[in-house]
């Protein structure tokens, strides 16, 4: 998942080939759908930097794959910058219109990537550890190419396999501290205030993270 996803997938297939192994399946989500390096890997395009229909379809393919995996075996999540938007779909209680509006507005806000992703991940289907939750209890190796200064794992691509260290209250305080209210639709701010459990990401102590390893293999 991300702007480097095709190159990362090609490298992964080379390593598996060297070990005389093959993937059972997989999905590559990139800014454009390039030829897949293996017939069992589906290559699709998402939208970047503002999600729309392609991102929503890519998000659904990730969901279908997670369902097929069924919490078994070993999963490699190859992650790079841009994945936040490329596989963005709204969590329950959020409309696609509000999600796209927020992405578009925050890009003009002057906020840095760490702040933007702290906000965006709360409202996206796979952000803030939700992908780890969907894959649990499989063994997950999340290998990351970072585009974030400081290589903060929960910030890179909105941390799909990393727990969110911030609460809903923390995110609201961040929005208010940086004067970002005009860039986050009221409905989304109200959702943070209500902290509806269905849309909350898994907490840091969730058992979904027990078998997850996140490693930055290339920094900014």
Protein backbone atom coordinates (compact mmCIF):
# COMPACT_ATOMS: atom_id res chain seq x y z
CA UNK A 1 0.00 0.00 0.00
CA UNK A 2 1.45 3.39 -1.02
CA UNK A 3 3.41 5.22 -3.64
CA UNK A 4 6.28 2.69 -3.48
CA UNK A 5 3.99 -0.35 -3.37
CA UNK A 6 4.75 -1.80 -6.81
CA UNK A 7 8.52 -1.65 -6.28
CA UNK A 8 8.15 -3.11 -2.78
CA UNK A 9 5.97 -5.94 -4.10
CA UNK A 10 8.51 -6.73 -6.82
CA UNK A 11 11.28 -6.92 -4.21
CA UNK A 12 9.14 -9.14 -1.99
CA UNK A 13 8.51 -11.55 -4.87
CA UNK A 14 12.27 -11.72 -5.54
CA UNK A 15 12.92 -12.63 -1.90
CA UNK A 16 10.18 -15.27 -1.86
CA UNK A 17 11.55 -16.71 -5.11
CA UNK A 18 15.02 -16.97 -3.54
CA UNK A 19 13.44 -19.00 -0.73
CA UNK A 20 11.45 -21.13 -3.20
CA UNK A 21 8.18 -19.77 -1.88
CA UNK A 22 5.15 -18.06 -3.41
CA UNK A 23 2.41 -15.85 -2.00
CA UNK A 24 -1.05 -17.28 -1.46
CA UNK A 25 -2.48 -13.96 -2.60
CA UNK A 26 -2.25 -10.23 -2.18
CA UNK A 27 -3.19 -6.79 -3.35
CA UNK A 28 -1.07 -3.86 -4.53
CA UNK A 29 -2.59 -0.38 -4.21
CA UNK A 30 -0.60 2.37 -5.93
CA UNK A 31 -1.29 5.73 -7.64
CA UNK A 32 -1.53 3.79 -10.92
CA UNK A 33 -2.20 0.13 -11.61
CA UNK A 34 1.09 -1.20 -12.98
CA UNK A 35 1.64 -4.81 -14.09
CA UNK A 36 1.64 -7.17 -11.13
CA UNK A 37 4.88 -9.06 -10.37
CA UNK A 38 2.91 -12.24 -9.60
CA UNK A 39 -0.37 -13.66 -10.94
CA UNK A 40 -1.77 -14.02 -7.39
CA UNK A 41 -1.27 -10.34 -6.63
CA UNK A 42 -3.98 -7.95 -7.81
CA UNK A 43 -2.71 -4.50 -8.78
CA UNK A 44 -5.15 -1.58 -8.54
CA UNK A 45 -5.00 2.21 -8.43
CA UNK A 46 -6.27 4.41 -5.63
CA UNK A 47 -6.74 8.17 -5.51
CA UNK A 48 -4.05 10.55 -4.26
CA UNK A 49 -3.89 13.00 -2.55
CA UNK A 50 -7.70 13.19 -2.16
CA UNK A 51 -9.65 9.90 -1.97
CA UNK A 52 -12.60 9.17 -4.21
CA UNK A 53 -14.16 6.16 -5.91
CA UNK A 54 -10.91 4.37 -6.75
CA UNK A 55 -9.71 4.58 -3.15
CA UNK A 56 -13.03 3.20 -1.94
CA UNK A 57 -12.78 0.24 -4.32
CA UNK A 58 -9.17 -0.39 -3.28
CA UNK A 59 -10.25 -0.30 0.36
CA UNK A 60 -12.86 -2.96 -0.36
CA UNK A 61 -10.26 -5.20 -2.03
CA UNK A 62 -8.14 -4.97 1.13
CA UNK A 63 -11.20 -5.96 3.16
CA UNK A 64 -11.88 -8.96 0.91
CA UNK A 65 -8.26 -10.08 1.23
CA UNK A 66 -8.32 -9.73 5.02
CA UNK A 67 -11.49 -11.84 5.08
CA UNK A 68 -9.82 -14.54 2.95
CA UNK A 69 -6.79 -14.56 5.27
CA UNK A 70 -9.12 -15.17 8.18
CA UNK A 71 -6.54 -14.45 10.88
CA UNK A 72 -4.23 -17.29 9.83
CA UNK A 73 -0.69 -17.62 8.51
CA UNK A 74 1.87 -14.88 7.97
CA UNK A 75 1.02 -11.55 6.35
CA UNK A 76 3.46 -9.00 4.97
CA UNK A 77 2.14 -5.44 4.85
CA UNK A 78 4.49 -3.39 2.66
CA UNK A 79 3.71 0.21 3.47
CA UNK A 80 4.83 3.53 2.04
CA UNK A 81 3.73 7.15 1.94
CA UNK A 82 0.48 8.01 0.22
CA UNK A 83 -1.38 4.96 1.51
CA UNK A 84 -3.59 7.13 3.73
CA UNK A 85 -5.41 8.44 0.66
CA UNK A 86 -4.90 5.51 -1.70
CA UNK A 87 -6.97 3.10 0.43
CA UNK A 88 -9.13 5.69 2.20
CA UNK A 89 -12.76 4.83 2.83
CA UNK A 90 -14.90 6.28 5.62
CA UNK A 91 -15.52 4.59 8.95
CA UNK A 92 -19.17 4.12 10.03
CA UNK A 93 -20.84 7.46 10.68
CA UNK A 94 -18.71 9.34 8.13
CA UNK A 95 -19.80 10.14 4.58
CA UNK A 96 -17.47 9.87 1.58
CA UNK A 97 -18.21 13.54 0.87
CA UNK A 98 -17.05 14.67 4.32
CA UNK A 99 -13.98 12.45 4.15
CA UNK A 100 -12.89 13.82 0.76
CA UNK A 101 -13.67 17.38 1.87
CA UNK A 102 -11.48 16.97 4.95
CA UNK A 103 -8.56 15.54 2.97
CA UNK A 104 -8.78 18.35 0.44
CA UNK A 105 -9.06 21.08 3.07
CA UNK A 106 -6.25 19.83 5.30
CA UNK A 107 -3.87 19.89 2.33
CA UNK A 108 -4.36 23.68 2.23
CA UNK A 109 -4.22 24.18 6.02
CA UNK A 110 -0.47 24.40 6.48
CA UNK A 111 -0.54 21.51 8.99
CA UNK A 112 2.40 19.12 8.85
CA UNK A 113 1.97 15.48 7.87
CA UNK A 114 2.03 14.20 11.46
CA UNK A 115 -0.85 16.47 12.47
CA UNK A 116 -2.80 15.76 9.28
CA UNK A 117 -2.52 12.01 9.72
CA UNK A 118 -3.40 12.22 13.42
CA UNK A 119 -6.71 13.68 12.27
CA UNK A 120 -7.30 11.75 9.05
CA UNK A 121 -6.63 8.31 10.53
CA UNK A 122 -9.55 8.66 12.94
CA UNK A 123 -12.00 8.65 10.05
CA UNK A 124 -10.48 6.14 7.59
CA UNK A 125 -11.30 2.47 7.37
CA UNK A 126 -7.73 1.15 7.73
CA UNK A 127 -6.05 3.93 9.73
CA UNK A 128 -5.01 3.81 13.39
CA UNK A 129 -4.40 0.08 13.62
CA UNK A 130 -7.66 -1.03 12.05
CA UNK A 131 -5.86 -3.16 9.44
CA UNK A 132 -4.01 -5.02 12.20
CA UNK A 133 -7.38 -5.62 13.86
CA UNK A 134 -8.81 -7.07 10.64
CA UNK A 135 -5.81 -9.38 10.17
CA UNK A 136 -5.55 -10.61 13.78
CA UNK A 137 -4.45 -13.05 15.05
CA UNK A 138 -2.27 -13.73 11.99
CA UNK A 139 1.44 -12.93 12.25
CA UNK A 140 1.88 -9.53 10.61
CA UNK A 141 5.18 -8.09 9.46
CA UNK A 142 4.65 -4.44 8.49
CA UNK A 143 7.69 -3.21 6.56
CA UNK A 144 7.68 0.54 6.06
CA UNK A 145 9.24 3.08 3.70
CA UNK A 146 8.82 6.33 5.61
CA UNK A 147 7.98 9.76 4.18
CA UNK A 148 7.58 11.26 7.67
CA UNK A 149 10.43 13.18 9.27
CA UNK A 150 11.38 11.31 12.44
CA UNK A 151 9.88 8.03 11.13
CA UNK A 152 7.00 8.01 13.63
CA UNK A 153 5.35 4.66 12.84
CA UNK A 154 1.79 5.59 13.90
CA UNK A 155 1.99 8.62 11.56
CA UNK A 156 3.33 6.93 8.42
CA UNK A 157 0.42 6.19 6.06
CA UNK A 158 -1.84 6.77 9.11
CA UNK A 159 -0.52 3.70 10.91
CA UNK A 160 -2.76 0.90 9.58
CA UNK A 161 -0.90 -1.68 11.70
CA UNK A 162 0.07 0.58 14.63
CA UNK A 163 -2.12 1.64 17.55
CA UNK A 164 -3.14 5.28 17.77
CA UNK A 165 -1.45 6.86 20.81
CA UNK A 166 -4.06 9.65 20.85
CA UNK A 167 -7.61 9.50 22.17
CA UNK A 168 -10.54 11.22 20.48
CA UNK A 169 -10.19 13.96 23.10
CA UNK A 170 -6.50 14.38 22.16
CA UNK A 171 -7.35 14.74 18.48
CA UNK A 172 -9.99 17.38 19.24
CA UNK A 173 -7.43 19.28 21.32
CA UNK A 174 -4.97 19.07 18.42
CA UNK A 175 -7.54 20.50 16.01
CA UNK A 176 -8.31 23.36 18.39
CA UNK A 177 -4.64 24.01 19.24
CA UNK A 178 -3.70 24.50 15.59
CA UNK A 179 -6.91 26.34 14.62
CA UNK A 180 -7.94 23.60 12.19
CA UNK A 181 -11.68 23.71 12.85
CA UNK A 182 -12.39 25.31 9.43
CA UNK A 183 -10.61 22.39 7.75
CA UNK A 184 -12.45 19.55 9.52
CA UNK A 185 -16.20 19.27 8.81
CA UNK A 186 -18.43 19.84 11.83
CA UNK A 187 -19.92 16.34 11.51
CA UNK A 188 -16.47 14.80 11.96
CA UNK A 189 -15.66 16.96 14.97
CA UNK A 190 -18.98 15.97 16.51
CA UNK A 191 -18.15 12.31 15.90
CA UNK A 192 -14.93 12.77 17.87
CA UNK A 193 -16.90 14.36 20.70
CA UNK A 194 -19.39 11.52 20.79
CA UNK A 195 -16.61 8.86 20.55
CA UNK A 196 -19.01 6.30 19.09
CA UNK A 197 -17.45 2.93 19.85
CA UNK A 198 -18.16 1.55 16.36
CA UNK A 199 -15.83 4.12 14.81
CA UNK A 200 -13.14 4.07 17.49
CA UNK A 201 -9.81 2.42 16.54
CA UNK A 202 -8.43 -0.44 18.64
CA UNK A 203 -6.64 0.84 21.78
CA UNK A 204 -2.88 0.29 22.25
CA UNK A 205 -3.52 -2.64 24.62
CA UNK A 206 -5.79 -4.43 22.13
CA UNK A 207 -4.74 -8.09 21.57
CA UNK A 208 -4.84 -7.39 17.82
CA UNK A 209 -1.30 -5.99 18.12
CA UNK A 210 0.24 -8.97 19.94
CA UNK A 211 1.46 -10.66 16.73
CA UNK A 212 2.30 -7.47 14.82
CA UNK A 213 5.80 -6.22 14.05
CA UNK A 214 6.27 -2.79 12.47
CA UNK A 215 9.74 -1.91 11.13
CA UNK A 216 10.94 1.14 9.18
CA UNK A 217 13.25 -0.29 6.49
CA UNK A 218 13.91 3.05 4.77
CA UNK A 219 13.67 6.50 6.37
CA UNK A 220 13.03 9.91 4.87
